[in-house]
Each structure stands twice: as structure tokens, then as C-alpha cells.
Protein backbone atom coordinates (compact mmCIF):
# COMPACT_ATOMS: atom_id res chain seq x y z
CA MET A 1 60.38 -17.45 -5.69
CA GLU A 2 60.57 -15.45 -8.62
CA ILE A 3 60.37 -11.77 -7.43
CA SER A 4 58.09 -10.84 -10.12
CA HIS A 5 55.47 -12.99 -8.59
CA LEU A 6 55.34 -11.02 -5.52
CA PHE A 7 54.17 -7.80 -7.43
CA GLU A 8 50.93 -6.48 -9.40
CA PRO A 9 51.47 -4.30 -12.39
CA ILE A 10 50.48 -0.41 -12.00
CA GLU A 11 46.95 -0.14 -13.68
CA ASN A 12 45.70 3.04 -12.22
CA GLN A 13 44.90 5.50 -14.87
CA GLN A 14 45.36 8.55 -13.34
CA VAL A 15 48.81 7.56 -12.27
CA LEU A 16 49.64 6.36 -15.73
CA LEU A 17 48.93 9.96 -17.17
CA ALA A 18 50.77 11.49 -14.34
CA GLY A 19 53.86 13.33 -15.53
CA LYS A 20 53.53 11.87 -18.92
CA GLU A 21 52.96 14.71 -21.15
CA SER A 22 56.41 16.57 -19.85
CA PRO A 23 59.64 15.10 -20.86
CA ASP A 24 61.23 16.31 -18.15
CA THR A 25 59.63 14.32 -15.45
CA LEU A 26 60.17 11.25 -13.41
CA TYR A 27 57.53 9.34 -15.50
CA HIS A 28 60.03 9.19 -18.37
CA VAL A 29 63.15 7.78 -16.33
CA LEU A 30 61.46 5.53 -14.00
CA ASN A 31 61.54 1.78 -15.31
CA LYS A 32 57.49 0.86 -14.31
CA TYR A 33 55.87 -2.33 -14.17
CA LEU A 34 53.08 -2.17 -16.45
CA ASP A 35 52.94 -5.06 -18.82
CA VAL A 36 56.20 -6.57 -18.33
CA PHE A 37 58.23 -6.91 -14.97
CA PRO A 38 61.13 -4.37 -15.27
CA ASP A 39 64.70 -5.93 -15.94
CA LEU A 40 66.27 -5.21 -12.71
CA SER A 41 69.99 -6.03 -13.70
CA GLN A 42 71.06 -2.52 -13.93
CA THR A 43 68.43 -1.11 -11.12
CA ASN A 44 69.98 0.85 -8.13
CA ILE A 45 66.72 1.41 -6.63
CA ALA A 46 63.36 -0.25 -6.52
CA ILE A 47 60.19 1.61 -5.22
CA PHE A 48 57.21 -0.69 -4.31
CA GLY A 49 53.74 -0.33 -3.02
CA ILE A 50 52.10 -1.94 0.17
CA GLU A 51 48.31 -1.77 0.35
CA GLU A 52 48.04 -3.20 3.61
CA ALA A 53 46.42 -1.81 6.58
CA ARG A 54 45.32 -4.61 8.68
CA GLY A 55 48.07 -3.61 11.31
CA SER A 56 46.35 -0.43 12.00
CA ASN A 57 42.85 0.10 13.72
CA GLU A 58 42.69 3.78 13.29
CA ASN A 59 44.40 4.72 9.76
CA LYS A 60 42.77 1.95 7.83
CA SER A 61 42.75 3.90 4.52
CA CYS A 62 46.80 4.00 4.63
CA SER A 63 46.20 0.84 2.24
CA LYS A 64 45.16 3.06 -0.50
CA GLY A 65 48.27 5.38 -0.30
CA PRO A 66 50.64 3.88 -3.01
CA ASP A 67 48.98 5.11 -6.04
CA PHE A 68 48.18 8.45 -4.62
CA ILE A 69 52.23 8.98 -3.89
CA ARG A 70 52.93 7.77 -7.21
CA GLN A 71 50.72 10.15 -8.88
CA MET A 72 52.60 13.07 -7.31
CA LEU A 73 56.16 11.23 -7.85
CA TYR A 74 55.82 10.81 -11.57
CA ASN A 75 54.98 14.60 -12.05
CA LEU A 76 58.36 15.73 -10.14
CA LYS A 77 60.98 17.04 -12.64
CA ARG A 78 64.13 14.79 -13.21
CA SER A 79 67.39 16.13 -12.36
CA ASN A 80 70.99 15.35 -14.00
CA VAL A 81 71.79 11.90 -12.28
CA PRO A 82 71.88 8.59 -14.04
CA TYR A 83 68.68 6.96 -13.15
CA ARG A 84 68.56 3.53 -12.55
CA ILE A 85 65.39 3.13 -10.60
CA ALA A 86 62.32 0.66 -11.13
CA ASP A 87 58.82 0.90 -9.98
CA LEU A 88 57.64 -2.65 -9.10
CA GLY A 89 54.26 -1.73 -8.76
CA ASN A 90 52.33 -3.03 -5.82
CA LEU A 91 52.91 -5.90 -3.40
CA ARG A 92 50.66 -8.80 -3.47
CA THR A 93 49.23 -9.06 0.03
CA GLY A 94 48.93 -12.19 1.86
CA GLU A 95 45.75 -13.87 3.14
CA THR A 96 47.23 -12.57 6.71
CA LEU A 97 48.98 -9.84 8.02
CA GLU A 98 52.03 -12.21 9.06
CA ASN A 99 51.65 -13.45 5.15
CA THR A 100 52.20 -9.80 3.81
CA PHE A 101 55.06 -9.55 6.27
CA THR A 102 56.74 -12.63 4.85
CA ARG A 103 56.19 -11.20 1.25
CA VAL A 104 57.83 -7.69 2.35
CA GLN A 105 60.72 -9.70 3.79
CA GLU A 106 61.24 -12.02 0.71
CA ALA A 107 61.04 -8.89 -1.72
CA CYS A 108 63.20 -6.87 0.26
CA PHE A 109 65.76 -9.70 0.74
CA GLN A 110 66.09 -10.44 -3.16
CA LEU A 111 66.51 -7.02 -3.86
CA ILE A 112 69.03 -6.03 -1.19
CA LYS A 113 71.35 -9.21 -1.83
CA ASN A 114 71.37 -7.88 -5.45
CA ASN A 115 72.66 -4.45 -4.33
CA ILE A 116 69.27 -2.85 -5.15
CA ILE A 117 67.64 -0.60 -2.18
CA PRO A 118 63.85 -1.03 -1.48
CA VAL A 119 61.74 2.00 -1.12
CA LEU A 120 58.58 0.75 0.43
CA ILE A 121 55.45 3.14 0.17
CA GLY A 122 52.41 2.91 1.84
CA GLY A 123 50.67 0.62 4.49
CA SER A 124 50.67 0.88 8.28
CA HIS A 125 53.90 1.37 10.32
CA ASP A 126 54.21 -2.09 11.55
CA ILE A 127 55.52 -2.99 8.29
CA THR A 128 58.77 -1.73 9.75
CA TYR A 129 58.84 -4.95 11.41
CA ALA A 130 59.05 -6.63 8.14
CA GLN A 131 61.89 -4.50 6.84
CA TYR A 132 63.70 -5.16 9.78
CA ARG A 133 63.26 -9.16 9.42
CA VAL A 134 64.96 -8.87 6.02
CA TYR A 135 68.44 -8.69 7.69
CA GLN A 136 68.20 -11.68 9.66
CA GLN A 137 68.34 -13.55 6.06
CA LEU A 138 71.43 -11.35 5.43
CA GLY A 139 72.95 -12.61 8.69
CA HIS A 140 74.67 -9.33 10.15
CA GLN A 141 73.69 -6.89 12.97
CA ILE A 142 72.40 -3.83 11.89
CA THR A 143 71.28 -0.08 12.85
CA VAL A 144 67.83 0.93 12.54
CA VAL A 145 66.90 4.49 12.34
CA ASN A 146 62.99 5.37 13.06
CA VAL A 147 61.45 8.55 12.59
CA ASP A 148 58.08 8.66 14.40
CA SER A 149 56.36 11.07 16.79
CA SER A 150 55.92 8.34 19.58
CA PHE A 151 57.39 4.74 20.56
CA ASP A 152 55.62 2.29 19.56
CA LEU A 153 56.11 0.02 22.37
CA GLY A 154 52.56 -1.33 23.32
CA GLU A 155 52.03 -4.81 24.14
CA ASP A 156 48.38 -4.93 23.57
CA GLU A 157 47.26 -6.16 20.46
CA THR A 158 43.70 -4.88 20.39
CA LYS A 159 45.18 -1.38 19.84
CA GLY A 160 46.82 -2.54 16.51
CA MET A 161 50.15 -3.88 15.47
CA ASN A 162 51.40 -0.55 14.21
CA LYS A 163 51.28 0.55 18.07
CA MET A 164 53.44 -2.28 19.32
CA HIS A 165 55.84 -3.24 16.38
CA LEU A 166 58.98 -1.91 18.06
CA HIS A 167 58.15 -4.28 20.88
CA ARG A 168 58.36 -7.31 18.51
CA LEU A 169 61.39 -5.74 16.69
CA PHE A 170 63.14 -5.39 20.19
CA LEU A 171 62.49 -9.02 21.56
CA HIS A 172 62.99 -10.79 18.02
CA ASP A 173 65.10 -13.97 18.19
CA PRO A 174 67.45 -14.19 17.02
CA ASN A 175 68.49 -10.77 17.82
CA TYR A 176 70.30 -8.89 14.83
CA LEU A 177 69.79 -5.27 16.38
CA PHE A 178 73.08 -3.68 16.99
CA ASN A 179 71.64 -0.21 17.33
CA TYR A 180 68.60 1.57 17.34
CA SER A 181 67.90 5.41 17.06
CA HIS A 182 64.66 7.26 17.18
CA LEU A 183 64.34 10.49 15.78
CA GLY A 184 61.37 13.22 16.52
CA PHE A 185 59.42 11.69 19.37
CA GLN A 186 57.11 14.13 21.19
CA SER A 187 57.39 14.11 24.99
CA PHE A 188 53.70 14.61 25.62
CA LEU A 189 53.09 11.13 23.49
CA VAL A 190 55.68 9.14 25.40
CA THR A 191 55.86 7.72 29.17
CA GLN A 192 58.95 7.85 31.29
CA LYS A 193 58.62 4.33 31.44
CA GLU A 194 59.33 4.22 27.58
CA ILE A 195 62.40 6.60 28.02
CA ASP A 196 63.89 4.84 30.92
CA MET A 197 63.68 1.72 28.81
CA MET A 198 65.67 3.39 25.60
CA GLU A 199 68.21 4.78 28.13
CA LYS A 200 68.47 1.24 29.75
CA LEU A 201 69.17 -0.14 26.35
CA LYS A 202 71.58 2.67 25.49
CA PHE A 203 69.66 3.56 22.17
CA ASP A 204 69.73 7.11 20.66
CA PHE A 205 67.07 9.00 20.72
CA ILE A 206 66.19 12.66 19.72
CA ARG A 207 63.36 14.89 20.83
CA ILE A 208 61.53 16.86 18.21
CA GLY A 209 62.42 20.03 19.92
CA ASP A 210 65.99 19.16 19.83
CA LEU A 211 65.85 17.68 16.31
CA LYS A 212 64.51 20.94 14.97
CA LYS A 213 66.93 23.05 16.59
CA ASN A 214 69.75 21.37 14.60
CA ILE A 215 68.46 18.92 11.98
CA GLU A 216 72.36 18.10 11.22
CA ASN A 217 72.32 16.17 14.59
CA CYS A 218 70.63 13.36 13.35
CA GLU A 219 72.95 13.04 10.15
CA PRO A 220 75.69 10.66 11.82
CA LEU A 221 73.01 8.59 13.07
CA ILE A 222 71.50 8.09 9.61
CA ARG A 223 74.80 7.32 8.33
CA PHE A 224 75.57 4.68 10.72
CA SER A 225 72.17 3.23 9.75
CA ASP A 226 71.34 -0.04 7.62
CA MET A 227 67.63 0.89 7.34
CA VAL A 228 65.45 4.02 7.96
CA SER A 229 61.53 3.80 8.60
CA VAL A 230 59.41 6.82 8.47
CA ASP A 231 56.04 7.21 10.16
CA LEU A 232 54.24 10.14 8.41
CA SER A 233 52.84 11.17 12.15
CA SER A 234 56.23 12.54 12.51
CA LEU A 235 55.74 15.63 10.37
CA ARG A 236 53.20 18.32 11.83
CA ILE A 237 49.58 18.20 10.48
CA SER A 238 49.57 21.43 9.11
CA ASP A 239 52.52 20.51 6.56
CA SER A 240 51.08 16.96 6.15
CA PRO A 241 47.42 16.55 7.11
CA GLY A 242 47.19 12.82 5.52
CA CYS A 243 47.96 10.87 8.46
CA PHE A 244 45.32 10.08 11.26
CA HIS A 245 48.09 10.27 14.02
CA SER A 246 49.67 13.30 13.07
CA HIS A 247 49.80 16.38 15.68
CA SER A 248 50.30 20.31 15.66
CA PHE A 249 53.78 19.84 16.34
CA GLY A 250 56.40 17.85 14.47
CA LEU A 251 58.85 17.75 11.60
CA SER A 252 58.44 20.31 8.70
CA GLY A 253 58.08 18.93 4.90
CA GLU A 254 61.73 20.53 4.42
CA GLU A 255 63.03 18.80 7.56
CA ALA A 256 61.58 15.40 6.46
CA CYS A 257 63.23 16.08 2.95
CA GLN A 258 66.52 16.65 4.79
CA ILE A 259 66.29 13.07 6.68
CA SER A 260 65.40 11.68 3.31
CA TRP A 261 68.70 13.13 1.74
CA TYR A 262 70.76 12.41 4.54
CA SER A 263 69.41 8.58 3.95
CA GLY A 264 70.14 8.41 0.59
CA MET A 265 73.27 9.97 0.91
CA SER A 266 74.37 7.28 3.31
CA ASP A 267 76.58 4.52 2.06
CA LYS A 268 75.06 2.05 4.68
CA VAL A 269 71.58 2.38 4.01
CA SER A 270 70.19 -0.37 2.10
CA SER A 271 66.19 -0.05 2.69
CA PHE A 272 64.11 2.97 3.23
CA GLY A 273 60.39 3.16 4.38
CA ILE A 274 57.52 5.65 4.69
CA TYR A 275 54.42 4.63 6.51
CA GLU A 276 50.88 5.52 7.57
CA TYR A 277 49.88 7.97 4.21
CA ASN A 278 46.15 8.20 4.58
CA PRO A 279 44.88 9.65 1.25
CA ASP A 280 41.11 10.14 2.57
CA LEU A 281 42.62 12.74 5.05
CA ASP A 282 44.66 14.52 2.45
CA ASN A 283 43.52 17.73 1.55
CA ARG A 284 44.58 18.69 -1.91
CA MET A 285 47.09 15.57 -2.04
CA GLN A 286 49.29 17.74 0.17
CA SER A 287 50.88 14.78 2.16
CA ALA A 288 51.29 12.90 -1.02
CA ASN A 289 53.25 15.40 -2.66
CA ILE A 290 55.57 15.77 0.73
CA VAL A 291 56.27 11.79 0.74
CA ALA A 292 57.02 12.13 -3.28
CA THR A 293 59.24 14.79 -2.47
CA MET A 294 60.80 12.49 0.03
CA ILE A 295 61.62 9.84 -2.12
CA TRP A 296 63.00 12.56 -4.75
CA TYR A 297 65.59 13.99 -2.16
CA PHE A 298 66.30 9.88 -1.27
CA MET A 299 67.15 9.18 -4.89
CA GLU A 300 69.26 12.46 -5.26
CA GLY A 301 70.96 11.65 -2.08
CA PHE A 302 71.70 8.52 -3.35
CA TYR A 303 73.26 9.58 -6.52
CA HIS A 304 75.50 11.60 -4.56
CA ARG A 305 77.03 9.31 -2.28
CA LYS A 306 80.59 9.54 -1.96
CA HIS A 307 81.71 5.84 -0.84
CA ASP A 308 83.90 6.99 1.58
CA ARG A 309 84.52 4.32 4.00
CA ASP A 310 88.23 3.37 3.20
CA PHE A 311 89.60 4.73 6.09
CA HIS A 312 93.27 3.62 5.10
CA SER A 313 93.22 5.65 1.55
CA ASN A 314 94.49 9.25 0.93
CA GLN A 315 90.75 10.24 1.14
CA PHE A 316 91.24 10.45 4.68
CA VAL A 317 93.17 12.21 7.67
CA LYS A 318 93.51 10.25 10.64
CA PHE A 319 93.98 12.22 14.23
CA THR A 320 94.94 10.32 17.49
CA VAL A 321 93.70 12.34 20.63
CA THR A 322 95.15 11.14 23.79
CA LEU A 323 93.34 10.97 26.86
CA LYS A 324 94.47 10.96 30.53
CA GLN A 325 91.98 8.41 31.46
CA ASN A 326 90.98 5.02 29.88
CA PRO A 327 90.86 4.85 27.21
CA HIS A 328 94.11 6.63 26.56
CA ALA A 329 93.71 7.72 23.07
CA ILE A 330 90.50 7.99 20.32
CA ILE A 331 91.02 7.73 16.81
CA PHE A 332 89.50 9.90 14.39
CA TYR A 333 88.95 10.11 10.79
CA LYS A 334 87.90 13.12 8.57
CA SER A 335 87.16 12.55 4.87
CA THR A 336 88.66 15.17 2.60
CA LEU A 337 85.72 14.67 0.18
CA THR A 338 82.85 15.54 2.18
CA ASP A 339 84.53 16.84 5.80
CA ARG A 340 82.41 14.21 7.48
CA TRP A 341 84.22 12.60 10.66
CA TRP A 342 84.20 9.12 12.29
CA MET A 343 85.79 7.63 15.35
CA GLU A 344 87.07 4.30 16.09
CA VAL A 345 85.73 2.23 18.92
CA PRO A 346 87.86 -0.94 19.83
CA PHE A 347 86.18 -4.09 20.08
CA PRO A 348 87.23 -7.59 21.45
CA GLN A 349 89.23 -9.59 18.73
CA GLU A 350 87.20 -12.62 19.73
CA LYS A 351 84.17 -10.74 19.03
CA PHE A 352 84.35 -10.43 15.30
CA ILE A 353 80.85 -9.98 14.93
CA TYR A 354 81.10 -6.01 15.95
CA GLN A 355 84.05 -5.26 13.32
CA ARG A 356 81.32 -3.65 11.05
CA SER A 357 80.10 -1.61 13.82
CA SER A 358 83.68 -0.37 15.20
CA ILE A 359 84.00 2.68 13.34
CA VAL A 360 81.18 5.32 14.33
CA PRO A 361 80.15 8.19 12.28
CA CYS A 362 80.39 11.30 14.54
CA THR A 363 80.59 15.27 14.54
CA TYR A 364 83.45 17.60 14.72
CA GLN A 365 82.16 18.54 17.98
CA ASP A 366 82.70 15.12 19.07
CA TYR A 367 86.19 15.47 18.07
CA LEU A 368 86.32 18.98 19.88
CA ALA A 369 85.11 17.36 23.25
CA THR A 370 87.97 14.71 22.99
CA MET A 371 90.44 17.51 22.66
CA SER A 372 89.04 18.85 25.73
CA GLY A 373 89.43 15.56 27.62
CA ASP A 374 85.67 14.28 27.35
CA ILE A 375 84.79 10.91 25.95
CA PRO A 376 81.91 11.50 23.52
CA ASP A 377 78.51 10.03 24.54
CA ARG A 378 78.39 8.27 21.32
CA TRP A 379 82.00 6.34 21.70
CA LEU A 380 80.85 5.22 25.19
CA LYS A 381 77.38 3.97 24.05
CA THR A 382 78.80 2.01 21.47
CA HIS A 383 81.75 0.52 23.45
CA SER A 384 79.11 -0.53 25.88
CA LYS A 385 77.65 -2.83 23.43
CA PHE A 386 81.05 -4.46 22.76
CA ILE A 387 81.50 -5.77 26.50
């Protein structure tokens, strides 16, 4: 299927007027689908809206979100980067929710296989499941980062697909999920049973309090991820009122933008989605402005990627730390371009499928802990997935 057949052009007049008067706005650098579908041959990032809310029982107006986000995005100022970004308009929704999932999957597959990063805006958070299914077509194991105030692990379909999509993602067959990281969950919104499940599966999860103490702790997890999904409920309601599920506690707008920057900067992230924006609840388009700014930071992060993945080049310093116990040594790499750290986790040679995940982003603190004789938790978690 031609990818253009999956989309409808932008026709909202308020959107088309946003940012038009100033030559310094994103309006003038985004290649928009108005009358003619954009030429994607030189495109790095493709934004598209999803007007789908059948997966939500309580946040139905999130289907209206994409054009409100665009209205704020087009007004933002451009920076001095070589923009090659297209706005593909809104996805044509299917007759059923599952049909829409299939169309999201097909659109993202067509983009990613051509080295274009899809940025998905609007719709309910269950679309994350469709975002994940893309990687089955690509045929390699992946790591997912999900930013959400709760674990959507329910099994009761009457509560809405957006409250059970992680259950479907974890049980998807065939399984292409190497690791899952959950950022910003709030303890009073999750059960001990859910936490126990995350620990049993050796997934990474960071409580909102720990995340706010040091936002940089999430950077290695994002650097290791292939896809990032953000539920707007992860932001506190005072910063972002435009989500039915928001609470008084959560990320600030600045912290959400920092996560978006890390996502854009990651050489590995190949899709990015922001879901659950409800314009009917958005006083003065405050949340639309935050989502637009998150997209701005993601784009800026992308154009500041360093592509520091050649660990045998002179851009890296290699450190071998010997230990008294097994493993007897752990190898670390430090980028001279970014000062970012990685560590090597040996995988069984007969399990070649794990090669892509054998060098793991880490922190300087992981290196210091190993120098003191401790094996970093992220090394142990990764190694446990190989055996």
C-alpha cells in the first residue's frame, strides 16, 4: 500500500494560520500534507496525528487532539538545524480499533524501514501496542521505554484498551521484547502484584520521586530503547490539565521536555509517541503547548545526535575492570564526544539474536561501583536475559 493512502491532509484553518505570519516559526520549515503528499525522500522525521479514542472509556476527546497540538507546534520558533521534517496529516482511522492499529503499524513500518522516525500524536495510550507491533515486521528484538503514571496491566476489556495494552504487549506472540523500562509511575496508582511482576520479569522501573530527584538517571534507559511512548497522565495536572487521568503529582513540563530531548538524542530510538491529550480539558491550551514543546525538544535532540556507536573507533576510551568474582572482568566504553558510558555484557555465541543488546548504556556511577568490586544491577539484569 502507498503510504499516502493512509493519511488525510491537514484542513483545519486555525492550524493552517498558526505561525504563518512569522518567518521564524516551524510553520515554514515543516513539509506539510496540504494538497500534495510530502516527498519523503530526504525526510528524517515524520509527524502524524491519530484521531482514535475507541480504546478509552474515560478520555474520549483525546481523538480531537492532533490539530490542537499542531496549532501550538507551528507557532514555535525554528532553530539553526537542518530541518527535514514532514507533517503527514492525520491517519485515516479504521472501521474498528484493530483496523486502526493495523494502519498505525503499516505507516510506522513504511517510515522506519526508510530511516524516517515516526512521531505519533493524539489518540489513547493503547496505540502503544500498535507502535510496538511495527518491530515484529522489522524482525529484531527491541527495548521499550514507557512514561506513565501507572502500569496498564489490566485484563478487563470493559475498562478500556488503554488500561490493558501492556498486558497485550507483554504477551504478544512472537515476542520481540528484549527489555521494558517504565518511567514515572506513582506508587499509589499501582499494586504490589504489578510491581512484583515487573521485578520477576527483570524490567526497569523508576518511581516518580526517584525520577524527579535525578532526571539524568533515565538517560541510559532511553539511550538503550528503540521506541518511546508517553502517556500525558505522567505529567502533574497543574502543568498539564489536558488529560483525564492526570493527578496532582507527576512530571513537570520541563522534565517531560528533558525526556523528549534524551529520546531525540538517542541513536537507537526509531519511534516516539505522545498519547492521551484531551483538548476538552485543556485550559488555555496549556497541555497542547507542552506536547508541542516536547516535540520541539525531540526534534532538536535528533539533530544533535552524535552517532557514537562505533566502540572500536578512536572516539572511545576502553576500560577493563577486573573483579574477584564471576564475571572476572567488565569492559566499559566512554565516548570522548559526549562523555557517555556503555558496558559490555557477554552473550552466548549460539544466541546471535542478542548481539544487538550486548553493549548496554550505563552511567559513570556504574563504572565507579564496579571499581569498588560491585557488579552493576543493569549488567546483572541484562546478563540474566541472555541465559
